[in-house]
N, C-alpha and C. Protein backbone atom coordinates (compact mmCIF):
# COMPACT_ATOMS: atom_id res chain seq x y z
N MET A 1 6.25 59.00 -16.18
CA MET A 1 6.02 58.94 -14.74
C MET A 1 7.23 58.30 -14.07
N GLY A 2 7.82 59.00 -13.09
CA GLY A 2 9.02 58.52 -12.43
C GLY A 2 8.73 57.47 -11.38
N ILE A 3 9.78 56.79 -10.97
CA ILE A 3 9.66 55.77 -9.94
C ILE A 3 9.72 56.45 -8.58
N LYS A 4 8.73 56.15 -7.74
CA LYS A 4 8.69 56.73 -6.41
C LYS A 4 9.54 55.90 -5.46
N LYS A 5 10.49 56.55 -4.79
CA LYS A 5 11.35 55.85 -3.86
C LYS A 5 10.75 55.88 -2.46
N VAL A 6 10.76 54.77 -1.79
CA VAL A 6 10.23 54.67 -0.43
C VAL A 6 11.41 54.54 0.52
N ASN A 7 11.43 55.39 1.53
CA ASN A 7 12.51 55.33 2.52
C ASN A 7 12.26 54.16 3.47
N ARG A 8 13.13 53.22 3.45
CA ARG A 8 12.98 52.07 4.32
C ARG A 8 14.38 51.64 4.80
N LYS A 9 14.45 51.30 6.06
CA LYS A 9 15.74 50.83 6.58
C LYS A 9 16.07 49.48 5.96
N ALA A 10 17.27 49.36 5.47
CA ALA A 10 17.68 48.11 4.84
C ALA A 10 17.99 47.05 5.90
N PHE A 11 18.47 47.48 7.07
CA PHE A 11 18.86 46.52 8.10
C PHE A 11 18.30 46.95 9.45
N LEU A 12 18.12 45.98 10.34
CA LEU A 12 17.71 46.27 11.70
C LEU A 12 18.92 46.72 12.50
N ASN A 13 18.67 47.58 13.48
CA ASN A 13 19.80 47.94 14.35
C ASN A 13 20.04 46.82 15.36
N LEU A 14 21.07 46.96 16.14
CA LEU A 14 21.48 45.89 17.06
C LEU A 14 20.40 45.56 18.08
N LEU A 15 19.74 46.61 18.63
CA LEU A 15 18.70 46.41 19.64
C LEU A 15 17.52 45.63 19.06
N GLU A 16 17.09 46.01 17.86
CA GLU A 16 15.96 45.34 17.21
C GLU A 16 16.31 43.89 16.86
N THR A 17 17.54 43.66 16.52
CA THR A 17 17.98 42.30 16.20
C THR A 17 18.00 41.40 17.43
N VAL A 18 18.54 41.90 18.54
CA VAL A 18 18.69 41.10 19.75
C VAL A 18 17.34 40.79 20.39
N PHE A 19 16.43 41.77 20.43
CA PHE A 19 15.16 41.60 21.14
C PHE A 19 13.99 41.21 20.23
N PHE A 20 14.26 40.86 18.99
CA PHE A 20 13.22 40.41 18.05
C PHE A 20 12.03 41.37 18.01
N VAL A 21 12.29 42.64 17.88
CA VAL A 21 11.22 43.65 17.92
C VAL A 21 10.21 43.42 16.80
N ASP A 22 10.67 43.17 15.58
CA ASP A 22 9.75 42.94 14.46
C ASP A 22 8.91 41.67 14.66
N PHE A 23 9.52 40.66 15.23
CA PHE A 23 8.82 39.40 15.50
C PHE A 23 7.68 39.63 16.50
N ILE A 24 7.96 40.40 17.54
CA ILE A 24 6.95 40.68 18.56
C ILE A 24 5.84 41.56 17.99
N LYS A 25 6.20 42.53 17.15
CA LYS A 25 5.18 43.36 16.48
C LYS A 25 4.25 42.50 15.64
N GLY A 26 4.82 41.55 14.93
CA GLY A 26 4.02 40.66 14.09
C GLY A 26 3.08 39.78 14.88
N LEU A 27 3.49 39.39 16.08
CA LEU A 27 2.66 38.53 16.92
C LEU A 27 1.76 39.30 17.88
N SER A 28 1.73 40.61 17.76
CA SER A 28 0.96 41.41 18.73
C SER A 28 -0.53 41.05 18.72
N VAL A 29 -1.10 40.85 17.52
CA VAL A 29 -2.52 40.49 17.43
C VAL A 29 -2.76 39.13 18.09
N THR A 30 -1.85 38.20 17.84
CA THR A 30 -1.97 36.86 18.44
C THR A 30 -1.89 36.95 19.96
N LEU A 31 -0.92 37.72 20.45
CA LEU A 31 -0.74 37.83 21.90
C LEU A 31 -1.92 38.51 22.57
N ILE A 32 -2.52 39.52 21.91
CA ILE A 32 -3.69 40.22 22.47
C ILE A 32 -4.86 39.25 22.60
N ASN A 33 -5.08 38.43 21.55
CA ASN A 33 -6.24 37.53 21.53
C ASN A 33 -6.01 36.23 22.28
N LEU A 34 -4.77 35.97 22.69
CA LEU A 34 -4.45 34.74 23.38
C LEU A 34 -5.21 34.60 24.70
N PHE A 35 -5.47 35.71 25.37
CA PHE A 35 -6.10 35.67 26.69
C PHE A 35 -7.58 36.05 26.66
N ARG A 36 -8.14 36.26 25.47
CA ARG A 36 -9.57 36.54 25.37
C ARG A 36 -10.36 35.24 25.37
N ARG A 37 -11.61 35.34 25.78
CA ARG A 37 -12.50 34.17 25.77
C ARG A 37 -12.83 33.81 24.32
N PRO A 38 -12.66 32.55 23.92
CA PRO A 38 -12.95 32.19 22.52
C PRO A 38 -14.45 32.27 22.23
N ILE A 39 -14.79 32.59 20.96
CA ILE A 39 -16.20 32.64 20.57
C ILE A 39 -16.60 31.40 19.79
N THR A 40 -15.67 30.47 19.62
CA THR A 40 -15.99 29.24 18.92
C THR A 40 -16.69 28.26 19.86
N THR A 41 -17.34 27.26 19.27
CA THR A 41 -18.02 26.23 20.05
C THR A 41 -17.28 24.91 19.90
N ASN A 42 -17.44 24.05 20.87
CA ASN A 42 -16.75 22.76 20.88
C ASN A 42 -17.58 21.75 20.09
N TYR A 43 -17.59 21.92 18.75
CA TYR A 43 -18.37 21.04 17.87
C TYR A 43 -17.60 19.74 17.69
N PRO A 44 -18.24 18.58 17.67
CA PRO A 44 -19.68 18.30 17.68
C PRO A 44 -20.28 18.07 19.05
N ILE A 45 -19.48 18.22 20.12
CA ILE A 45 -20.01 18.02 21.47
C ILE A 45 -21.03 19.10 21.79
N GLU A 46 -20.73 20.33 21.43
CA GLU A 46 -21.64 21.46 21.64
C GLU A 46 -22.14 21.94 20.30
N LYS A 47 -23.44 21.97 20.14
CA LYS A 47 -24.04 22.41 18.87
C LYS A 47 -24.96 23.58 19.12
N LEU A 48 -24.85 24.58 18.28
CA LEU A 48 -25.74 25.73 18.37
C LEU A 48 -26.95 25.52 17.47
N THR A 49 -28.09 26.02 17.89
CA THR A 49 -29.28 25.99 17.04
C THR A 49 -29.21 27.20 16.11
N PRO A 50 -29.19 26.96 14.80
CA PRO A 50 -29.11 28.10 13.88
C PRO A 50 -30.37 28.97 13.96
N PRO A 51 -30.29 30.21 13.47
CA PRO A 51 -31.49 31.05 13.42
C PRO A 51 -32.56 30.42 12.54
N LYS A 52 -33.78 30.86 12.72
CA LYS A 52 -34.89 30.31 11.94
C LYS A 52 -34.70 30.58 10.45
N ARG A 53 -34.09 31.70 10.12
CA ARG A 53 -33.89 32.06 8.71
C ARG A 53 -32.60 31.48 8.12
N TYR A 54 -32.00 30.53 8.83
CA TYR A 54 -30.78 29.90 8.35
C TYR A 54 -31.06 29.16 7.04
N ARG A 55 -30.11 29.22 6.11
CA ARG A 55 -30.31 28.56 4.82
C ARG A 55 -29.56 27.23 4.80
N GLY A 56 -30.24 26.20 5.30
CA GLY A 56 -29.67 24.86 5.32
C GLY A 56 -30.31 24.00 4.24
N ALA A 57 -30.40 22.70 4.49
CA ALA A 57 -30.99 21.77 3.51
C ALA A 57 -32.43 22.17 3.21
N HIS A 58 -32.85 21.89 1.99
CA HIS A 58 -34.19 22.28 1.54
C HIS A 58 -35.26 21.32 2.05
N GLY A 59 -36.49 21.79 1.97
CA GLY A 59 -37.63 20.97 2.35
C GLY A 59 -38.84 21.35 1.51
N HIS A 60 -39.82 20.44 1.45
CA HIS A 60 -41.08 20.68 0.74
C HIS A 60 -42.22 20.70 1.75
N PHE A 61 -42.93 21.80 1.82
CA PHE A 61 -44.13 21.81 2.65
C PHE A 61 -45.18 20.90 1.99
N VAL A 62 -46.04 20.33 2.83
CA VAL A 62 -47.01 19.35 2.34
C VAL A 62 -48.43 19.92 2.42
N TRP A 63 -49.36 19.23 1.73
CA TRP A 63 -50.77 19.59 1.80
C TRP A 63 -51.29 19.22 3.19
N ASP A 64 -51.54 20.24 4.01
CA ASP A 64 -52.00 19.95 5.38
C ASP A 64 -53.03 20.97 5.87
N GLY A 65 -53.60 21.73 4.97
CA GLY A 65 -54.61 22.71 5.36
C GLY A 65 -54.06 24.09 5.63
N THR A 66 -52.75 24.27 5.54
CA THR A 66 -52.16 25.59 5.78
C THR A 66 -51.66 26.23 4.47
N GLU A 67 -52.20 25.78 3.35
CA GLU A 67 -51.74 26.27 2.06
C GLU A 67 -52.09 27.73 1.86
N PRO A 68 -51.24 28.47 1.13
CA PRO A 68 -51.57 29.87 0.81
C PRO A 68 -52.70 29.95 -0.22
N ASP A 69 -53.29 31.12 -0.34
CA ASP A 69 -54.41 31.31 -1.29
C ASP A 69 -54.01 31.02 -2.72
N SER A 70 -52.74 31.30 -3.06
CA SER A 70 -52.27 31.05 -4.43
C SER A 70 -52.37 29.57 -4.79
N LEU A 71 -52.19 28.71 -3.81
CA LEU A 71 -52.28 27.26 -4.07
C LEU A 71 -53.74 26.81 -4.10
N LYS A 72 -54.57 27.40 -3.26
CA LYS A 72 -55.99 27.02 -3.25
C LYS A 72 -56.67 27.37 -4.57
N ALA A 73 -56.14 28.40 -5.25
CA ALA A 73 -56.74 28.82 -6.52
C ALA A 73 -56.53 27.79 -7.62
N ILE A 74 -55.44 27.01 -7.55
CA ILE A 74 -55.18 26.03 -8.61
C ILE A 74 -55.35 24.59 -8.10
N GLU A 75 -55.97 24.45 -6.95
CA GLU A 75 -56.13 23.14 -6.33
C GLU A 75 -56.86 22.16 -7.24
N LYS A 76 -57.84 22.63 -7.98
CA LYS A 76 -58.63 21.72 -8.83
C LYS A 76 -57.85 21.24 -10.06
N PHE A 77 -56.74 21.90 -10.37
CA PHE A 77 -55.94 21.47 -11.52
C PHE A 77 -54.83 20.49 -11.13
N MET A 78 -54.68 20.22 -9.83
CA MET A 78 -53.60 19.38 -9.34
C MET A 78 -54.15 18.07 -8.77
N SER A 79 -53.42 16.99 -9.00
CA SER A 79 -53.72 15.71 -8.36
C SER A 79 -52.77 15.57 -7.18
N TYR A 80 -53.29 15.60 -5.98
CA TYR A 80 -52.42 15.60 -4.80
C TYR A 80 -52.98 14.69 -3.72
N GLU A 81 -52.13 14.38 -2.76
CA GLU A 81 -52.53 13.58 -1.59
C GLU A 81 -52.23 14.39 -0.35
N LYS A 82 -53.07 14.28 0.65
CA LYS A 82 -52.82 14.95 1.92
C LYS A 82 -51.53 14.42 2.54
N GLY A 83 -50.73 15.32 3.08
CA GLY A 83 -49.46 14.92 3.69
C GLY A 83 -48.34 14.75 2.71
N LYS A 84 -48.59 15.03 1.41
CA LYS A 84 -47.55 14.93 0.39
C LYS A 84 -47.19 16.33 -0.12
N SER A 85 -46.10 16.40 -0.83
CA SER A 85 -45.58 17.68 -1.32
C SER A 85 -46.62 18.49 -2.07
N ARG A 86 -46.62 19.80 -1.85
CA ARG A 86 -47.57 20.67 -2.56
C ARG A 86 -46.94 21.36 -3.76
N CYS A 87 -45.88 20.76 -4.29
CA CYS A 87 -45.25 21.29 -5.51
C CYS A 87 -46.23 21.18 -6.68
N VAL A 88 -46.27 22.19 -7.54
CA VAL A 88 -47.18 22.20 -8.68
C VAL A 88 -46.41 22.10 -10.00
N ALA A 89 -45.11 21.81 -9.94
CA ALA A 89 -44.27 21.65 -11.12
C ALA A 89 -44.37 22.84 -12.07
N CYS A 90 -44.20 24.03 -11.50
CA CYS A 90 -44.23 25.24 -12.33
C CYS A 90 -42.83 25.60 -12.85
N TYR A 91 -41.80 24.96 -12.31
CA TYR A 91 -40.41 25.15 -12.71
C TYR A 91 -39.87 26.54 -12.42
N MET A 92 -40.55 27.30 -11.58
CA MET A 92 -40.07 28.65 -11.25
C MET A 92 -38.78 28.57 -10.42
N CYS A 93 -38.66 27.55 -9.57
CA CYS A 93 -37.43 27.40 -8.78
C CYS A 93 -36.24 27.16 -9.69
N GLN A 94 -36.45 26.31 -10.68
CA GLN A 94 -35.37 26.00 -11.62
C GLN A 94 -35.02 27.21 -12.48
N THR A 95 -36.02 28.00 -12.82
CA THR A 95 -35.79 29.20 -13.63
C THR A 95 -35.00 30.25 -12.85
N ALA A 96 -35.30 30.39 -11.57
CA ALA A 96 -34.64 31.41 -10.74
C ALA A 96 -33.25 31.00 -10.30
N CYS A 97 -32.95 29.71 -10.37
CA CYS A 97 -31.69 29.20 -9.82
C CYS A 97 -30.49 29.54 -10.70
N PRO A 98 -29.38 30.02 -10.10
CA PRO A 98 -28.17 30.25 -10.88
C PRO A 98 -27.55 28.95 -11.42
N MET A 99 -27.90 27.81 -10.80
CA MET A 99 -27.40 26.50 -11.25
C MET A 99 -28.61 25.59 -11.53
N PRO A 100 -29.34 25.84 -12.60
CA PRO A 100 -30.60 25.10 -12.83
C PRO A 100 -30.43 23.59 -12.99
N THR A 101 -29.18 23.13 -13.21
CA THR A 101 -28.97 21.68 -13.36
C THR A 101 -29.12 20.92 -12.05
N LEU A 102 -29.23 21.61 -10.94
CA LEU A 102 -29.38 20.89 -9.68
C LEU A 102 -30.79 20.34 -9.49
N PHE A 103 -31.75 20.79 -10.32
CA PHE A 103 -33.13 20.31 -10.22
C PHE A 103 -33.43 19.26 -11.28
N ARG A 104 -34.21 18.25 -10.90
CA ARG A 104 -34.82 17.32 -11.84
C ARG A 104 -36.29 17.22 -11.45
N ILE A 105 -37.12 17.86 -12.24
CA ILE A 105 -38.56 17.92 -11.92
C ILE A 105 -39.33 17.27 -13.06
N GLU A 106 -40.24 16.37 -12.71
CA GLU A 106 -41.08 15.72 -13.71
C GLU A 106 -42.52 15.69 -13.21
N ALA A 107 -43.43 15.90 -14.13
CA ALA A 107 -44.87 15.84 -13.81
C ALA A 107 -45.58 15.08 -14.92
N VAL A 108 -46.68 14.44 -14.57
CA VAL A 108 -47.49 13.71 -15.56
C VAL A 108 -48.92 14.22 -15.51
N GLN A 109 -49.62 14.04 -16.62
CA GLN A 109 -51.03 14.42 -16.68
C GLN A 109 -51.87 13.20 -16.37
N MET A 110 -52.77 13.36 -15.43
CA MET A 110 -53.64 12.26 -15.01
C MET A 110 -54.82 12.12 -15.98
N PRO A 111 -55.52 10.99 -15.95
CA PRO A 111 -56.66 10.80 -16.88
C PRO A 111 -57.74 11.87 -16.76
N ASP A 112 -57.91 12.46 -15.58
CA ASP A 112 -58.94 13.49 -15.42
C ASP A 112 -58.44 14.88 -15.85
N GLY A 113 -57.22 14.95 -16.37
CA GLY A 113 -56.69 16.23 -16.87
C GLY A 113 -55.86 16.99 -15.86
N SER A 114 -55.85 16.56 -14.60
CA SER A 114 -55.05 17.25 -13.59
C SER A 114 -53.57 16.84 -13.70
N LYS A 115 -52.71 17.62 -13.07
CA LYS A 115 -51.26 17.38 -13.14
C LYS A 115 -50.77 16.82 -11.81
N LYS A 116 -49.84 15.88 -11.89
CA LYS A 116 -49.27 15.28 -10.68
C LYS A 116 -47.75 15.28 -10.79
N VAL A 117 -47.10 15.76 -9.74
CA VAL A 117 -45.64 15.77 -9.69
C VAL A 117 -45.16 14.39 -9.29
N VAL A 118 -44.30 13.78 -10.12
CA VAL A 118 -43.82 12.43 -9.83
C VAL A 118 -42.34 12.42 -9.46
N ARG A 119 -41.64 13.51 -9.75
CA ARG A 119 -40.22 13.55 -9.41
C ARG A 119 -39.79 14.97 -9.09
N PHE A 120 -39.06 15.11 -8.02
CA PHE A 120 -38.44 16.39 -7.68
C PHE A 120 -37.15 16.07 -6.94
N ASP A 121 -36.04 16.12 -7.67
CA ASP A 121 -34.73 15.83 -7.09
C ASP A 121 -33.91 17.10 -7.04
N MET A 122 -33.15 17.25 -5.97
CA MET A 122 -32.23 18.39 -5.84
C MET A 122 -30.85 17.85 -5.51
N ASN A 123 -29.87 18.17 -6.37
CA ASN A 123 -28.49 17.76 -6.13
C ASN A 123 -27.77 18.88 -5.40
N LEU A 124 -27.59 18.73 -4.09
CA LEU A 124 -27.01 19.80 -3.28
C LEU A 124 -25.53 20.04 -3.57
N LEU A 125 -24.89 19.14 -4.32
CA LEU A 125 -23.50 19.39 -4.72
C LEU A 125 -23.41 20.59 -5.66
N ASN A 126 -24.50 20.90 -6.35
CA ASN A 126 -24.52 22.06 -7.25
C ASN A 126 -25.13 23.29 -6.61
N CYS A 127 -25.64 23.16 -5.40
CA CYS A 127 -26.41 24.24 -4.78
C CYS A 127 -25.50 25.30 -4.16
N LEU A 128 -25.90 26.57 -4.34
CA LEU A 128 -25.18 27.69 -3.74
C LEU A 128 -25.81 28.12 -2.42
N PHE A 129 -26.96 27.55 -2.08
CA PHE A 129 -27.71 27.90 -0.86
C PHE A 129 -28.01 29.40 -0.82
N CYS A 130 -28.38 29.94 -1.98
CA CYS A 130 -28.70 31.37 -2.07
C CYS A 130 -30.14 31.67 -1.69
N GLY A 131 -31.02 30.68 -1.79
CA GLY A 131 -32.42 30.87 -1.43
C GLY A 131 -33.29 31.46 -2.52
N LEU A 132 -32.77 31.64 -3.74
CA LEU A 132 -33.58 32.22 -4.82
C LEU A 132 -34.73 31.30 -5.22
N CYS A 133 -34.52 29.98 -5.12
CA CYS A 133 -35.59 29.04 -5.46
C CYS A 133 -36.76 29.18 -4.49
N VAL A 134 -36.45 29.40 -3.24
CA VAL A 134 -37.49 29.55 -2.21
C VAL A 134 -38.29 30.83 -2.47
N ASP A 135 -37.59 31.91 -2.81
CA ASP A 135 -38.27 33.18 -3.09
C ASP A 135 -39.15 33.08 -4.33
N ALA A 136 -38.73 32.26 -5.31
CA ALA A 136 -39.46 32.18 -6.57
C ALA A 136 -40.69 31.28 -6.49
N CYS A 137 -40.75 30.40 -5.51
CA CYS A 137 -41.86 29.43 -5.44
C CYS A 137 -43.19 30.15 -5.21
N PRO A 138 -44.13 30.06 -6.16
CA PRO A 138 -45.37 30.84 -6.03
C PRO A 138 -46.38 30.25 -5.05
N VAL A 139 -46.18 29.00 -4.65
CA VAL A 139 -47.15 28.36 -3.76
C VAL A 139 -46.56 28.06 -2.38
N GLY A 140 -45.41 28.61 -2.08
CA GLY A 140 -44.80 28.42 -0.76
C GLY A 140 -44.49 26.97 -0.46
N CYS A 141 -44.06 26.22 -1.46
CA CYS A 141 -43.74 24.81 -1.25
C CYS A 141 -42.31 24.65 -0.75
N LEU A 142 -41.37 25.25 -1.44
CA LEU A 142 -39.96 25.10 -1.07
C LEU A 142 -39.61 25.94 0.14
N THR A 143 -38.79 25.41 1.00
CA THR A 143 -38.28 26.16 2.14
C THR A 143 -36.85 25.71 2.41
N MET A 144 -36.14 26.48 3.20
CA MET A 144 -34.80 26.09 3.62
C MET A 144 -34.85 25.86 5.12
N THR A 145 -34.40 24.72 5.55
CA THR A 145 -34.48 24.34 6.96
C THR A 145 -33.19 24.71 7.68
N ASP A 146 -33.11 24.31 8.95
CA ASP A 146 -31.90 24.59 9.73
C ASP A 146 -30.95 23.39 9.77
N LEU A 147 -31.15 22.42 8.87
CA LEU A 147 -30.28 21.24 8.83
C LEU A 147 -28.99 21.59 8.10
N TYR A 148 -27.87 21.47 8.81
CA TYR A 148 -26.59 21.86 8.22
C TYR A 148 -25.57 20.73 8.18
N GLU A 149 -25.86 19.61 8.81
CA GLU A 149 -24.92 18.49 8.77
C GLU A 149 -25.23 17.62 7.55
N LEU A 150 -24.65 17.99 6.42
CA LEU A 150 -25.00 17.39 5.14
C LEU A 150 -23.90 16.53 4.55
N ALA A 151 -22.85 16.26 5.34
CA ALA A 151 -21.74 15.46 4.82
C ALA A 151 -22.19 14.02 4.59
N GLY A 152 -21.61 13.40 3.57
CA GLY A 152 -21.93 12.01 3.27
C GLY A 152 -20.74 11.32 2.64
N TYR A 153 -20.83 10.01 2.50
CA TYR A 153 -19.73 9.23 1.95
C TYR A 153 -19.84 9.03 0.44
N THR A 154 -21.00 9.33 -0.11
CA THR A 154 -21.18 9.18 -1.56
C THR A 154 -21.83 10.43 -2.13
N ARG A 155 -21.67 10.63 -3.41
CA ARG A 155 -22.33 11.75 -4.09
C ARG A 155 -23.85 11.57 -4.09
N ARG A 156 -24.27 10.30 -4.13
CA ARG A 156 -25.70 10.01 -4.16
C ARG A 156 -26.41 10.54 -2.90
N SER A 157 -25.69 10.56 -1.78
CA SER A 157 -26.32 11.00 -0.53
C SER A 157 -26.60 12.51 -0.53
N ALA A 158 -26.01 13.25 -1.47
CA ALA A 158 -26.25 14.69 -1.56
C ALA A 158 -27.49 15.02 -2.39
N VAL A 159 -28.11 14.01 -2.98
CA VAL A 159 -29.32 14.23 -3.78
C VAL A 159 -30.54 14.08 -2.89
N LEU A 160 -31.33 15.14 -2.77
CA LEU A 160 -32.56 15.11 -1.97
C LEU A 160 -33.72 14.76 -2.89
N ARG A 161 -34.38 13.65 -2.61
CA ARG A 161 -35.56 13.28 -3.38
C ARG A 161 -36.81 13.79 -2.66
N MET A 162 -37.95 13.63 -3.31
CA MET A 162 -39.18 14.26 -2.81
C MET A 162 -39.56 13.79 -1.41
N ASP A 163 -39.39 12.49 -1.13
CA ASP A 163 -39.77 12.01 0.20
C ASP A 163 -38.88 12.60 1.29
N ARG A 164 -37.60 12.77 0.99
CA ARG A 164 -36.68 13.38 1.98
C ARG A 164 -36.99 14.87 2.14
N LEU A 165 -37.32 15.54 1.05
CA LEU A 165 -37.68 16.96 1.12
C LEU A 165 -38.92 17.15 1.99
N GLU A 166 -39.90 16.26 1.83
CA GLU A 166 -41.11 16.33 2.66
C GLU A 166 -40.79 16.12 4.13
N GLU A 167 -39.94 15.13 4.43
CA GLU A 167 -39.56 14.86 5.82
C GLU A 167 -38.84 16.06 6.44
N ASN A 168 -37.94 16.68 5.67
CA ASN A 168 -37.20 17.84 6.17
C ASN A 168 -38.15 18.96 6.58
N ALA A 169 -39.12 19.27 5.71
CA ALA A 169 -40.03 20.38 6.00
C ALA A 169 -40.99 20.06 7.14
N ILE A 170 -41.48 18.83 7.19
CA ILE A 170 -42.39 18.44 8.28
C ILE A 170 -41.67 18.55 9.62
N ASP A 171 -40.44 18.03 9.67
CA ASP A 171 -39.64 18.09 10.90
C ASP A 171 -39.34 19.54 11.29
N TRP A 172 -38.95 20.35 10.31
CA TRP A 172 -38.61 21.76 10.59
C TRP A 172 -39.83 22.54 11.07
N LYS A 173 -40.98 22.30 10.43
CA LYS A 173 -42.21 23.01 10.82
C LYS A 173 -42.66 22.61 12.22
N LYS A 174 -42.47 21.34 12.57
CA LYS A 174 -42.85 20.86 13.89
C LYS A 174 -41.98 21.51 14.98
N ARG A 175 -40.68 21.62 14.68
CA ARG A 175 -39.75 22.16 15.68
C ARG A 175 -39.72 23.68 15.72
N ARG A 176 -39.79 24.33 14.57
CA ARG A 176 -39.54 25.77 14.51
C ARG A 176 -40.69 26.60 13.95
N GLY A 177 -41.78 25.95 13.58
CA GLY A 177 -42.87 26.65 12.90
C GLY A 177 -43.48 27.79 13.69
N SER A 178 -43.56 27.66 15.01
CA SER A 178 -44.21 28.69 15.83
C SER A 178 -43.24 29.76 16.33
N GLU A 179 -41.96 29.62 15.99
CA GLU A 179 -40.95 30.59 16.43
C GLU A 179 -41.09 31.92 15.70
N PRO A 180 -40.79 33.03 16.37
CA PRO A 180 -40.80 34.30 15.64
C PRO A 180 -39.70 34.32 14.59
N ASP A 181 -39.96 34.97 13.48
CA ASP A 181 -39.02 35.00 12.36
C ASP A 181 -37.98 36.08 12.61
N ARG A 182 -36.94 35.73 13.35
CA ARG A 182 -35.87 36.68 13.65
C ARG A 182 -34.53 35.97 13.51
N ILE A 183 -33.45 36.74 13.50
CA ILE A 183 -32.14 36.15 13.24
C ILE A 183 -31.74 35.22 14.38
N TRP A 184 -31.84 35.70 15.63
CA TRP A 184 -31.49 34.87 16.77
C TRP A 184 -32.75 34.49 17.55
N ILE A 185 -32.74 33.30 18.13
CA ILE A 185 -33.89 32.85 18.90
C ILE A 185 -34.15 33.79 20.06
N ASP A 186 -33.10 34.16 20.78
CA ASP A 186 -33.24 35.11 21.88
C ASP A 186 -31.93 35.88 22.03
N ASP A 187 -31.98 36.96 22.80
CA ASP A 187 -30.80 37.81 22.97
C ASP A 187 -29.71 37.11 23.77
N GLN A 188 -30.08 36.18 24.65
CA GLN A 188 -29.06 35.48 25.45
C GLN A 188 -28.15 34.65 24.56
N GLN A 189 -28.74 33.99 23.54
CA GLN A 189 -27.93 33.17 22.65
C GLN A 189 -26.98 34.06 21.83
N ARG A 190 -27.49 35.20 21.37
CA ARG A 190 -26.64 36.12 20.60
C ARG A 190 -25.51 36.67 21.46
N GLU A 191 -25.83 37.05 22.68
CA GLU A 191 -24.81 37.61 23.58
C GLU A 191 -23.76 36.57 23.95
N LYS A 192 -24.17 35.31 24.01
CA LYS A 192 -23.22 34.25 24.32
C LYS A 192 -22.11 34.20 23.26
N LEU A 193 -22.50 34.42 22.01
CA LEU A 193 -21.52 34.37 20.92
C LEU A 193 -20.80 35.69 20.72
N TRP A 194 -21.53 36.77 20.66
CA TRP A 194 -20.97 38.04 20.21
C TRP A 194 -20.83 39.09 21.30
N GLY A 195 -21.32 38.80 22.52
CA GLY A 195 -21.22 39.79 23.59
C GLY A 195 -22.38 40.78 23.52
N LYS A 196 -22.43 41.65 24.48
CA LYS A 196 -23.51 42.64 24.56
C LYS A 196 -23.26 43.76 23.57
N ILE A 197 -24.30 44.12 22.83
CA ILE A 197 -24.17 45.19 21.83
C ILE A 197 -24.43 46.53 22.50
N GLU A 198 -23.51 47.44 22.33
CA GLU A 198 -23.69 48.79 22.83
C GLU A 198 -24.15 49.65 21.67
N TRP A 199 -25.37 50.17 21.77
CA TRP A 199 -25.92 50.98 20.68
C TRP A 199 -25.44 52.42 20.81
N ASN A 200 -24.99 52.99 19.71
CA ASN A 200 -24.59 54.40 19.68
C ASN A 200 -25.80 55.24 19.35
N GLY A 201 -25.81 56.46 19.84
CA GLY A 201 -26.91 57.27 19.39
C GLY A 201 -27.26 58.34 20.29
């Protein structure tokens, strides 16, 4: 197979050299966008509310009377308290996770034979925020909230323990629980960022 030769000028002509034609061509995209309205926000002064389906910090739904039927079926096998996490320590979240080391789940058997979850830690430093753990949860305990400000000064602050997971979900459900499950809260917020969509058809 022979070498294909590409015809290319080795040098710029005098006009291109004097008027920086190649330089201006290279900056054409920059110059076009220089006068457009920016779509960025002035964070942290201006904060956008993420969509309801945003995959932020995790949370644990609690026993509050809104449990799914799958949880009511095994209620007699679990030792639980009202207002506490409804995790049943089935380890399905850990099984579905691409990084199973981010979970530390422990459960004990009570004297009456029921099971009680005593530890559920999530190390978000290992988390991909893919949401597979939420999809795998058979009792609808795990959820992903809209909390995205997760920076901290220590690695320990990235570990979510059960009490923090419960607080996250309670807060999220109180603020966003009745919202319709859609990408944007309303069309005005979407248009503010991306402009009006013209549908073809």
